[in-house]
Amino acid sequence: MTAAAPPSLLASILSDLTRHWLRVLLFLAILISALGVILSTHYNRQENIELERLMQQRDELDVEWRHLVLEQRTLTEHNRVEALVKSELDMRRPKPSEEMVVRIK
């Protein structure tokens, strides 16, 4: 009696793959689709993190802008400007007799 050679596992797998090529193709399509879902979820999360960071930066800039507007209003108040002009530049309002009207023809 001759000893039968054990069946080759690789040959058996290749035989099954060639017989059921549509199932193999569908399985590969499912794997590729799953990888696509994983990658798109990752990119979506990264974009959401960046959006949150930019929104926080926008809020910080908005607060800074509001402070600058308040500072500008304080520095340009008429009473403050008039007081600085009188004290630092020694200026005053002209009297009616000192006013001159210039007419352009």
PDB file of N, CA and C in Angstrom:
ATOM      1  N   MET A   1       0.826  -1.159   0.000  1.00  0.00           N
ATOM      2  CA  MET A   1       0.000   0.000   0.000  1.00  0.00           C
ATOM      3  C   MET A   1       0.888   1.246   0.000  1.00  0.00           C
ATOM      4  N   THR A   2       0.521   2.172  -0.801  1.00  0.00           N
ATOM      5  CA  THR A   2       1.326   3.376  -0.886  1.00  0.00           C
ATOM      6  C   THR A   2       0.713   4.437   0.016  1.00  0.00           C
ATOM      7  N   ALA A   3       1.593   5.190   0.612  1.00  0.00           N
ATOM      8  CA  ALA A   3       1.127   6.251   1.513  1.00  0.00           C
ATOM      9  C   ALA A   3       0.628   7.425   0.684  1.00  0.00           C
ATOM     10  N   ALA A   4      -0.578   7.844   0.968  1.00  0.00           N
ATOM     11  CA  ALA A   4      -1.158   8.972   0.239  1.00  0.00           C
ATOM     12  C   ALA A   4      -0.519  10.251   0.746  1.00  0.00           C
ATOM     13  N   ALA A   5      -0.185  11.112  -0.178  1.00  0.00           N
ATOM     14  CA  ALA A   5       0.422  12.386   0.192  1.00  0.00           C
ATOM     15  C   ALA A   5      -0.644  13.251   0.851  1.00  0.00           C
ATOM     16  N   PRO A   6      -0.267  13.950   1.939  1.00  0.00           N
ATOM     17  CA  PRO A   6      -1.249  14.809   2.587  1.00  0.00           C
ATOM     18  C   PRO A   6      -1.668  15.929   1.632  1.00  0.00           C
ATOM     19  N   PRO A   7      -2.924  16.303   1.704  1.00  0.00           N
ATOM     20  CA  PRO A   7      -3.375  17.365   0.793  1.00  0.00           C
ATOM     21  C   PRO A   7      -2.660  18.674   1.121  1.00  0.00           C
ATOM     22  N   SER A   8      -2.322  19.367   0.118  1.00  0.00           N
ATOM     23  CA  SER A   8      -1.622  20.633   0.284  1.00  0.00           C
ATOM     24  C   SER A   8      -2.639  21.711   0.685  1.00  0.00           C
ATOM     25  N   LEU A   9      -2.348  22.362   1.785  1.00  0.00           N
ATOM     26  CA  LEU A   9      -3.256  23.409   2.282  1.00  0.00           C
ATOM     27  C   LEU A   9      -3.311  24.581   1.301  1.00  0.00           C
ATOM     28  N   LEU A  10      -2.171  24.978   0.802  1.00  0.00           N
ATOM     29  CA  LEU A  10      -2.106  26.101  -0.121  1.00  0.00           C
ATOM     30  C   LEU A  10      -2.883  25.799  -1.407  1.00  0.00           C
ATOM     31  N   ALA A  11      -2.742  24.601  -1.899  1.00  0.00           N
ATOM     32  CA  ALA A  11      -3.458  24.223  -3.118  1.00  0.00           C
ATOM     33  C   ALA A  11      -4.958  24.210  -2.866  1.00  0.00           C
ATOM     34  N   SER A  12      -5.355  23.754  -1.693  1.00  0.00           N
ATOM     35  CA  SER A  12      -6.774  23.721  -1.351  1.00  0.00           C
ATOM     36  C   SER A  12      -7.351  25.132  -1.251  1.00  0.00           C
ATOM     37  N   ILE A  13      -6.602  26.044  -0.640  1.00  0.00           N
ATOM     38  CA  ILE A  13      -7.054  27.439  -0.494  1.00  0.00           C
ATOM     39  C   ILE A  13      -7.170  28.105  -1.860  1.00  0.00           C
ATOM     40  N   LEU A  14      -6.174  27.918  -2.699  1.00  0.00           N
ATOM     41  CA  LEU A  14      -6.206  28.518  -4.035  1.00  0.00           C
ATOM     42  C   LEU A  14      -7.345  27.945  -4.865  1.00  0.00           C
ATOM     43  N   SER A  15      -7.606  26.681  -4.687  1.00  0.00           N
ATOM     44  CA  SER A  15      -8.707  26.052  -5.415  1.00  0.00           C
ATOM     45  C   SER A  15     -10.043  26.655  -4.983  1.00  0.00           C
ATOM     46  N   ASP A  16     -10.217  26.848  -3.660  1.00  0.00           N
ATOM     47  CA  ASP A  16     -11.461  27.452  -3.160  1.00  0.00           C
ATOM     48  C   ASP A  16     -11.598  28.905  -3.622  1.00  0.00           C
ATOM     49  N   LEU A  17     -10.479  29.629  -3.629  1.00  0.00           N
ATOM     50  CA  LEU A  17     -10.525  31.035  -4.048  1.00  0.00           C
ATOM     51  C   LEU A  17     -10.918  31.160  -5.514  1.00  0.00           C
ATOM     52  N   THR A  18     -10.407  30.284  -6.348  1.00  0.00           N
ATOM     53  CA  THR A  18     -10.744  30.380  -7.776  1.00  0.00           C
ATOM     54  C   THR A  18     -12.167  29.908  -8.051  1.00  0.00           C
ATOM     55  N   ARG A  19     -12.666  28.980  -7.238  1.00  0.00           N
ATOM     56  CA  ARG A  19     -14.035  28.507  -7.439  1.00  0.00           C
ATOM     57  C   ARG A  19     -15.067  29.543  -6.977  1.00  0.00           C
ATOM     58  N   HIS A  20     -14.741  30.279  -5.894  1.00  0.00           N
ATOM     59  CA  HIS A  20     -15.681  31.241  -5.300  1.00  0.00           C
ATOM     60  C   HIS A  20     -15.120  32.670  -5.419  1.00  0.00           C
ATOM     61  N   TRP A  21     -14.760  33.058  -6.614  1.00  0.00           N
ATOM     62  CA  TRP A  21     -14.126  34.359  -6.819  1.00  0.00           C
ATOM     63  C   TRP A  21     -15.071  35.529  -6.520  1.00  0.00           C
ATOM     64  N   LEU A  22     -16.374  35.324  -6.704  1.00  0.00           N
ATOM     65  CA  LEU A  22     -17.316  36.405  -6.408  1.00  0.00           C
ATOM     66  C   LEU A  22     -17.386  36.670  -4.905  1.00  0.00           C
ATOM     67  N   ARG A  23     -17.347  35.630  -4.112  1.00  0.00           N
ATOM     68  CA  ARG A  23     -17.348  35.815  -2.656  1.00  0.00           C
ATOM     69  C   ARG A  23     -16.079  36.511  -2.184  1.00  0.00           C
ATOM     70  N   VAL A  24     -14.970  36.133  -2.776  1.00  0.00           N
ATOM     71  CA  VAL A  24     -13.694  36.776  -2.431  1.00  0.00           C
ATOM     72  C   VAL A  24     -13.736  38.255  -2.804  1.00  0.00           C
ATOM     73  N   LEU A  25     -14.274  38.543  -3.969  1.00  0.00           N
ATOM     74  CA  LEU A  25     -14.381  39.934  -4.416  1.00  0.00           C
ATOM     75  C   LEU A  25     -15.291  40.745  -3.485  1.00  0.00           C
ATOM     76  N   LEU A  26     -16.409  40.173  -3.080  1.00  0.00           N
ATOM     77  CA  LEU A  26     -17.312  40.861  -2.149  1.00  0.00           C
ATOM     78  C   LEU A  26     -16.652  41.069  -0.788  1.00  0.00           C
ATOM     79  N   PHE A  27     -15.887  40.054  -0.344  1.00  0.00           N
ATOM     80  CA  PHE A  27     -15.180  40.177   0.935  1.00  0.00           C
ATOM     81  C   PHE A  27     -14.160  41.317   0.881  1.00  0.00           C
ATOM     82  N   LEU A  28     -13.421  41.402  -0.228  1.00  0.00           N
ATOM     83  CA  LEU A  28     -12.453  42.491  -0.375  1.00  0.00           C
ATOM     84  C   LEU A  28     -13.149  43.851  -0.448  1.00  0.00           C
ATOM     85  N   ALA A  29     -14.302  43.899  -1.106  1.00  0.00           N
ATOM     86  CA  ALA A  29     -15.056  45.154  -1.178  1.00  0.00           C
ATOM     87  C   ALA A  29     -15.526  45.578   0.208  1.00  0.00           C
ATOM     88  N   ILE A  30     -15.928  44.627   1.039  1.00  0.00           N
ATOM     89  CA  ILE A  30     -16.347  44.939   2.405  1.00  0.00           C
ATOM     90  C   ILE A  30     -15.170  45.470   3.212  1.00  0.00           C
ATOM     91  N   LEU A  31     -13.998  44.852   3.070  1.00  0.00           N
ATOM     92  CA  LEU A  31     -12.808  45.320   3.797  1.00  0.00           C
ATOM     93  C   LEU A  31     -12.417  46.732   3.372  1.00  0.00           C
ATOM     94  N   ILE A  32     -12.434  46.975   2.072  1.00  0.00           N
ATOM     95  CA  ILE A  32     -12.083  48.318   1.576  1.00  0.00           C
ATOM     96  C   ILE A  32     -13.097  49.346   2.055  1.00  0.00           C
ATOM     97  N   SER A  33     -14.358  48.979   2.062  1.00  0.00           N
ATOM     98  CA  SER A  33     -15.401  49.887   2.546  1.00  0.00           C
ATOM     99  C   SER A  33     -15.215  50.181   4.037  1.00  0.00           C
ATOM    100  N   ALA A  34     -14.881  49.154   4.805  1.00  0.00           N
ATOM    101  CA  ALA A  34     -14.658  49.355   6.242  1.00  0.00           C
ATOM    102  C   ALA A  34     -13.469  50.276   6.487  1.00  0.00           C
ATOM    103  N   LEU A  35     -12.400  50.099   5.713  1.00  0.00           N
ATOM    104  CA  LEU A  35     -11.241  50.996   5.849  1.00  0.00           C
ATOM    105  C   LEU A  35     -11.615  52.429   5.469  1.00  0.00           C
ATOM    106  N   GLY A  36     -12.451  52.577   4.456  1.00  0.00           N
ATOM    107  CA  GLY A  36     -12.903  53.917   4.070  1.00  0.00           C
ATOM    108  C   GLY A  36     -13.706  54.585   5.173  1.00  0.00           C
ATOM    109  N   VAL A  37     -14.563  53.818   5.836  1.00  0.00           N
ATOM    110  CA  VAL A  37     -15.352  54.364   6.948  1.00  0.00           C
ATOM    111  C   VAL A  37     -14.439  54.780   8.090  1.00  0.00           C
ATOM    112  N   ILE A  38     -13.449  53.959   8.385  1.00  0.00           N
ATOM    113  CA  ILE A  38     -12.507  54.275   9.469  1.00  0.00           C
ATOM    114  C   ILE A  38     -11.741  55.557   9.151  1.00  0.00           C
ATOM    115  N   LEU A  39     -11.242  55.658   7.924  1.00  0.00           N
ATOM    116  CA  LEU A  39     -10.472  56.853   7.545  1.00  0.00           C
ATOM    117  C   LEU A  39     -11.347  58.105   7.542  1.00  0.00           C
ATOM    118  N   SER A  40     -12.546  58.004   7.010  1.00  0.00           N
ATOM    119  CA  SER A  40     -13.404  59.192   6.977  1.00  0.00           C
ATOM    120  C   SER A  40     -13.810  59.620   8.384  1.00  0.00           C
ATOM    121  N   THR A  41     -14.023  58.674   9.284  1.00  0.00           N
ATOM    122  CA  THR A  41     -14.335  59.013  10.679  1.00  0.00           C
ATOM    123  C   THR A  41     -13.150  59.716  11.332  1.00  0.00           C
ATOM    124  N   HIS A  42     -11.953  59.220  11.061  1.00  0.00           N
ATOM    125  CA  HIS A  42     -10.745  59.842  11.628  1.00  0.00           C
ATOM    126  C   HIS A  42     -10.592  61.277  11.122  1.00  0.00           C
ATOM    127  N   TYR A  43     -10.723  61.468   9.809  1.00  0.00           N
ATOM    128  CA  TYR A  43     -10.594  62.816   9.250  1.00  0.00           C
ATOM    129  C   TYR A  43     -11.691  63.742   9.777  1.00  0.00           C
ATOM    130  N   ASN A  44     -12.884  63.225   9.941  1.00  0.00           N
ATOM    131  CA  ASN A  44     -13.993  64.020  10.467  1.00  0.00           C
ATOM    132  C   ASN A  44     -13.687  64.483  11.894  1.00  0.00           C
ATOM    133  N   ARG A  45     -13.158  63.590  12.704  1.00  0.00           N
ATOM    134  CA  ARG A  45     -12.801  63.958  14.083  1.00  0.00           C
ATOM    135  C   ARG A  45     -11.697  65.001  14.103  1.00  0.00           C
ATOM    136  N   GLN A  46     -10.707  64.841  13.219  1.00  0.00           N
ATOM    137  CA  GLN A  46      -9.625  65.822  13.158  1.00  0.00           C
ATOM    138  C   GLN A  46     -10.159  67.198  12.756  1.00  0.00           C
ATOM    139  N   GLU A  47     -11.071  67.233  11.810  1.00  0.00           N
ATOM    140  CA  GLU A  47     -11.657  68.504  11.378  1.00  0.00           C
ATOM    141  C   GLU A  47     -12.506  69.134  12.484  1.00  0.00           C
ATOM    142  N   ASN A  48     -13.214  68.318  13.252  1.00  0.00           N
ATOM    143  CA  ASN A  48     -14.003  68.843  14.368  1.00  0.00           C
ATOM    144  C   ASN A  48     -13.111  69.422  15.446  1.00  0.00           C
ATOM    145  N   ILE A  49     -11.977  68.777  15.709  1.00  0.00           N
ATOM    146  CA  ILE A  49     -11.024  69.301  16.684  1.00  0.00           C
ATOM    147  C   ILE A  49     -10.495  70.650  16.208  1.00  0.00           C
ATOM    148  N   GLU A  50     -10.142  70.751  14.920  1.00  0.00           N
ATOM    149  CA  GLU A  50      -9.646  72.012  14.367  1.00  0.00           C
ATOM    150  C   GLU A  50     -10.722  73.095  14.415  1.00  0.00           C
ATOM    151  N   LEU A  51     -11.962  72.722  14.140  1.00  0.00           N
ATOM    152  CA  LEU A  51     -13.069  73.678  14.208  1.00  0.00           C
ATOM    153  C   LEU A  51     -13.242  74.217  15.625  1.00  0.00           C
ATOM    154  N   GLU A  52     -13.190  73.344  16.619  1.00  0.00           N
ATOM    155  CA  GLU A  52     -13.306  73.781  18.009  1.00  0.00           C
ATOM    156  C   GLU A  52     -12.173  74.733  18.388  1.00  0.00           C
ATOM    157  N   ARG A  53     -10.958  74.430  17.921  1.00  0.00           N
ATOM    158  CA  ARG A  53      -9.810  75.292  18.221  1.00  0.00           C
ATOM    159  C   ARG A  53      -9.997  76.662  17.578  1.00  0.00           C
ATOM    160  N   LEU A  54     -10.458  76.683  16.342  1.00  0.00           N
ATOM    161  CA  LEU A  54     -10.661  77.958  15.659  1.00  0.00           C
ATOM    162  C   LEU A  54     -11.802  78.764  16.279  1.00  0.00           C
ATOM    163  N   MET A  55     -12.846  78.083  16.734  1.00  0.00           N
ATOM    164  CA  MET A  55     -13.948  78.793  17.392  1.00  0.00           C
ATOM    165  C   MET A  55     -13.486  79.399  18.717  1.00  0.00           C
ATOM    166  N   GLN A  56     -12.635  78.684  19.439  1.00  0.00           N
ATOM    167  CA  GLN A  56     -12.098  79.226  20.691  1.00  0.00           C
ATOM    168  C   GLN A  56     -11.211  80.434  20.399  1.00  0.00           C
ATOM    169  N   GLN A  57     -10.398  80.338  19.360  1.00  0.00           N
ATOM    170  CA  GLN A  57      -9.554  81.473  18.978  1.00  0.00           C
ATOM    171  C   GLN A  57     -10.410  82.668  18.562  1.00  0.00           C
ATOM    172  N   ARG A  58     -11.505  82.410  17.835  1.00  0.00           N
ATOM    173  CA  ARG A  58     -12.407  83.491  17.435  1.00  0.00           C
ATOM    174  C   ARG A  58     -13.000  84.185  18.655  1.00  0.00           C
ATOM    175  N   ASP A  59     -13.403  83.393  19.654  1.00  0.00           N
ATOM    176  CA  ASP A  59     -13.975  83.977  20.866  1.00  0.00           C
ATOM    177  C   ASP A  59     -12.950  84.821  21.608  1.00  0.00           C
ATOM    178  N   GLU A  60     -11.705  84.336  21.673  1.00  0.00           N
ATOM    179  CA  GLU A  60     -10.652  85.117  22.339  1.00  0.00           C
ATOM    180  C   GLU A  60     -10.394  86.427  21.601  1.00  0.00           C
ATOM    181  N   LEU A  61     -10.362  86.374  20.272  1.00  0.00           N
ATOM    182  CA  LEU A  61     -10.156  87.590  19.486  1.00  0.00           C
ATOM    183  C   LEU A  61     -11.335  88.550  19.628  1.00  0.00           C
ATOM    184  N   ASP A  62     -12.531  88.019  19.746  1.00  0.00           N
ATOM    185  CA  ASP A  62     -13.715  88.861  19.931  1.00  0.00           C
ATOM    186  C   ASP A  62     -13.648  89.604  21.263  1.00  0.00           C
ATOM    187  N   VAL A  63     -13.230  88.908  22.307  1.00  0.00           N
ATOM    188  CA  VAL A  63     -13.093  89.552  23.613  1.00  0.00           C
ATOM    189  C   VAL A  63     -12.025  90.640  23.551  1.00  0.00           C
ATOM    190  N   GLU A  64     -10.894  90.339  22.894  1.00  0.00           N
ATOM    191  CA  GLU A  64      -9.827  91.337  22.769  1.00  0.00           C
ATOM    192  C   GLU A  64     -10.315  92.551  21.975  1.00  0.00           C
ATOM    193  N   TRP A  65     -11.070  92.312  20.903  1.00  0.00           N
ATOM    194  CA  TRP A  65     -11.593  93.418  20.099  1.00  0.00           C
ATOM    195  C   TRP A  65     -12.525  94.300  20.923  1.00  0.00           C
ATOM    196  N   ARG A  66     -13.378  93.677  21.734  1.00  0.00           N
ATOM    197  CA  ARG A  66     -14.290  94.466  22.578  1.00  0.00           C
ATOM    198  C   ARG A  66     -13.511  95.326  23.566  1.00  0.00           C
ATOM    199  N   HIS A  67     -12.454  94.771  24.128  1.00  0.00           N
ATOM    200  CA  HIS A  67     -11.630  95.561  25.054  1.00  0.00           C
ATOM    201  C   HIS A  67     -10.967  96.729  24.324  1.00  0.00           C
ATOM    202  N   LEU A  68     -10.501  96.493  23.104  1.00  0.00           N
ATOM    203  CA  LEU A  68      -9.876  97.568  22.342  1.00  0.00           C
ATOM    204  C   LEU A  68     -10.882  98.649  21.966  1.00  0.00           C
ATOM    205  N   VAL A  69     -12.106  98.274  21.653  1.00  0.00           N
ATOM    206  CA  VAL A  69     -13.137  99.271  21.341  1.00  0.00           C
ATOM    207  C   VAL A  69     -13.423 100.126  22.571  1.00  0.00           C
ATOM    208  N   LEU A  70     -13.522  99.482  23.728  1.00  0.00           N
ATOM    209  CA  LEU A  70     -13.744 100.250  24.954  1.00  0.00           C
ATOM    210  C   LEU A  70     -12.576 101.194  25.237  1.00  0.00           C
ATOM    211  N   GLU A  71     -11.363 100.712  25.027  1.00  0.00           N
ATOM    212  CA  GLU A  71     -10.191 101.555  25.245  1.00  0.00           C
ATOM    213  C   GLU A  71     -10.184 102.729  24.273  1.00  0.00           C
ATOM    214  N   GLN A  72     -10.531 102.481  23.021  1.00  0.00           N
ATOM    215  CA  GLN A  72     -10.583 103.554  22.034  1.00  0.00           C
ATOM    216  C   GLN A  72     -11.634 104.595  22.413  1.00  0.00           C
ATOM    217  N   ARG A  73     -12.791 104.151  22.842  1.00  0.00           N
ATOM    218  CA  ARG A  73     -13.835 105.097  23.241  1.00  0.00           C
ATOM    219  C   ARG A  73     -13.381 105.937  24.437  1.00  0.00           C
ATOM    220  N   THR A  74     -12.688 105.284  25.361  1.00  0.00           N
ATOM    221  CA  THR A  74     -12.207 106.024  26.528  1.00  0.00           C
ATOM    222  C   THR A  74     -11.170 107.057  26.126  1.00  0.00           C
ATOM    223  N   LEU A  75     -10.256 106.675  25.242  1.00  0.00           N
ATOM    224  CA  LEU A  75      -9.180 107.585  24.850  1.00  0.00           C
ATOM    225  C   LEU A  75      -9.653 108.719  23.952  1.00  0.00           C
ATOM    226  N   THR A  76     -10.762 108.551  23.270  1.00  0.00           N
ATOM    227  CA  THR A  76     -11.221 109.592  22.349  1.00  0.00           C
ATOM    228  C   THR A  76     -12.406 110.387  22.880  1.00  0.00           C
ATOM    229  N   GLU A  77     -12.708 110.273  24.146  1.00  0.00           N
ATOM    230  CA  GLU A  77     -13.797 111.084  24.699  1.00  0.00           C
ATOM    231  C   GLU A  77     -13.429 112.563  24.589  1.00  0.00           C
ATOM    232  N   HIS A  78     -14.419 113.362  24.270  1.00  0.00           N
ATOM    233  CA  HIS A  78     -14.191 114.795  24.033  1.00  0.00           C
ATOM    234  C   HIS A  78     -13.581 115.484  25.255  1.00  0.00           C
ATOM    235  N   ASN A  79     -14.091 115.192  26.429  1.00  0.00           N
ATOM    236  CA  ASN A  79     -13.589 115.856  27.644  1.00  0.00           C
ATOM    237  C   ASN A  79     -12.123 115.509  27.885  1.00  0.00           C
ATOM    238  N   ARG A  80     -11.751 114.275  27.653  1.00  0.00           N
ATOM    239  CA  ARG A  80     -10.368 113.860  27.878  1.00  0.00           C
ATOM    240  C   ARG A  80      -9.440 114.529  26.877  1.00  0.00           C
ATOM    241  N   VAL A  81      -9.857 114.556  25.607  1.00  0.00           N
ATOM    242  CA  VAL A  81      -9.034 115.182  24.577  1.00  0.00           C
ATOM    243  C   VAL A  81      -8.865 116.674  24.865  1.00  0.00           C
ATOM    244  N   GLU A  82      -9.949 117.310  25.257  1.00  0.00           N
ATOM    245  CA  GLU A  82      -9.875 118.752  25.559  1.00  0.00           C
ATOM    246  C   GLU A  82      -8.960 119.024  26.749  1.00  0.00           C
ATOM    247  N   ALA A  83      -9.024 118.182  27.760  1.00  0.00           N
ATOM    248  CA  ALA A  83      -8.153 118.361  28.930  1.00  0.00           C
ATOM    249  C   ALA A  83      -6.688 118.153  28.547  1.00  0.00           C
ATOM    250  N   LEU A  84      -6.395 117.171  27.719  1.00  0.00           N
ATOM    251  CA  LEU A  84      -5.010 116.941  27.284  1.00  0.00           C
ATOM    252  C   LEU A  84      -4.496 118.095  26.435  1.00  0.00           C
ATOM    253  N   VAL A  85      -5.347 118.628  25.574  1.00  0.00           N
ATOM    254  CA  VAL A  85      -4.939 119.756  24.733  1.00  0.00           C
ATOM    255  C   VAL A  85      -4.609 120.974  25.597  1.00  0.00           C
ATOM    256  N   LYS A  86      -5.420 121.228  26.596  1.00  0.00           N
ATOM    257  CA  LYS A  86      -5.170 122.383  27.472  1.00  0.00           C
ATOM    258  C   LYS A  86      -3.911 122.191  28.300  1.00  0.00           C
ATOM    259  N   SER A  87      -3.731 120.994  28.865  1.00  0.00           N
ATOM    260  CA  SER A  87      -2.601 120.799  29.778  1.00  0.00           C
ATOM    261  C   SER A  87      -1.277 120.591  29.047  1.00  0.00           C
ATOM    262  N   GLU A  88      -1.251 119.785  27.990  1.00  0.00           N
ATOM    263  CA  GLU A  88       0.018 119.450  27.354  1.00  0.00           C
ATOM    264  C   GLU A  88       0.408 120.403  26.223  1.00  0.00           C
ATOM    265  N   LEU A  89      -0.551 120.926  25.494  1.00  0.00           N
ATOM    266  CA  LEU A  89      -0.242 121.780  24.348  1.00  0.00           C
ATOM    267  C   LEU A  89      -0.546 123.249  24.607  1.00  0.00           C
ATOM    268  N   ASP A  90      -1.092 123.511  25.757  1.00  0.00           N
ATOM    269  CA  ASP A  90      -1.429 124.881  26.145  1.00  0.00           C
ATOM    270  C   ASP A  90      -2.296 125.552  25.072  1.00  0.00           C
ATOM    271  N   MET A  91      -3.304 124.829  24.617  1.00  0.00           N
ATOM    272  CA  MET A  91      -4.224 125.356  23.612  1.00  0.00           C
ATOM    273  C   MET A  91      -5.519 125.780  24.292  1.00  0.00           C
ATOM    274  N   ARG A  92      -6.251 126.650  23.595  1.00  0.00           N
ATOM    275  CA  ARG A  92      -7.537 127.099  24.121  1.00  0.00           C
ATOM    276  C   ARG A  92      -8.455 127.379  22.943  1.00  0.00           C
ATOM    277  N   ARG A  93      -9.718 127.550  23.245  1.00  0.00           N
ATOM    278  CA  ARG A  93     -10.675 127.884  22.187  1.00  0.00           C
ATOM    279  C   ARG A  93     -10.448 129.345  21.783  1.00  0.00           C
ATOM    280  N   PRO A  94     -10.545 129.621  20.487  1.00  0.00           N
ATOM    281  CA  PRO A  94     -10.351 131.018  20.066  1.00  0.00           C
ATOM    282  C   PRO A  94     -11.564 131.874  20.444  1.00  0.00           C
ATOM    283  N   LYS A  95     -11.279 133.121  20.720  1.00  0.00           N
ATOM    284  CA  LYS A  95     -12.359 134.061  21.004  1.00  0.00           C
ATOM    285  C   LYS A  95     -12.981 134.478  19.672  1.00  0.00           C
ATOM    286  N   PRO A  96     -14.229 134.932  19.721  1.00  0.00           N
ATOM    287  CA  PRO A  96     -14.872 135.362  18.463  1.00  0.00           C
ATOM    288  C   PRO A  96     -14.091 136.443  17.732  1.00  0.00           C
ATOM    289  N   SER A  97     -13.405 137.290  18.462  1.00  0.00           N
ATOM    290  CA  SER A  97     -12.637 138.359  17.797  1.00  0.00           C
ATOM    291  C   SER A  97     -11.398 137.806  17.101  1.00  0.00           C
ATOM    292  N   GLU A  98     -10.947 136.633  17.493  1.00  0.00           N
ATOM    293  CA  GLU A  98      -9.750 136.034  16.895  1.00  0.00           C
ATOM    294  C   GLU A  98     -10.082 135.122  15.698  1.00  0.00           C
ATOM    295  N   GLU A  99     -11.338 134.887  15.482  1.00  0.00           N
ATOM    296  CA  GLU A  99     -11.733 133.994  14.379  1.00  0.00           C
ATOM    297  C   GLU A  99     -11.643 134.720  13.057  1.00  0.00           C
ATOM    298  N   MET A 100     -11.270 133.993  12.005  1.00  0.00           N
ATOM    299  CA  MET A 100     -11.206 134.547  10.659  1.00  0.00           C
ATOM    300  C   MET A 100     -11.960 133.613   9.726  1.00  0.00           C
ATOM    301  N   VAL A 101     -12.728 134.190   8.827  1.00  0.00           N
ATOM    302  CA  VAL A 101     -13.473 133.386   7.875  1.00  0.00           C
ATOM    303  C   VAL A 101     -12.743 133.482   6.536  1.00  0.00           C
ATOM    304  N   VAL A 102     -12.420 132.373   5.971  1.00  0.00           N
ATOM    305  CA  VAL A 102     -11.715 132.333   4.697  1.00  0.00           C
ATOM    306  C   VAL A 102     -12.702 131.850   3.634  1.00  0.00           C
ATOM    307  N   ARG A 103     -12.825 132.640   2.591  1.00  0.00           N
ATOM    308  CA  ARG A 103     -13.741 132.284   1.507  1.00  0.00           C
ATOM    309  C   ARG A 103     -12.917 131.946   0.280  1.00  0.00           C
ATOM    310  N   ILE A 104     -13.314 130.850  -0.350  1.00  0.00           N
ATOM    311  CA  ILE A 104     -12.642 130.425  -1.556  1.00  0.00           C
ATOM    312  C   ILE A 104     -13.533 130.776  -2.725  1.00  0.00           C
ATOM    313  N   LYS A 105     -12.948 131.476  -3.720  1.00  0.00           N
ATOM    314  CA  LYS A 105     -13.745 131.910  -4.879  1.00  0.00           C
ATOM    315  C   LYS A 105     -13.742 130.863  -5.943  1.00  0.00           C
TER     316      LYS A 105
END
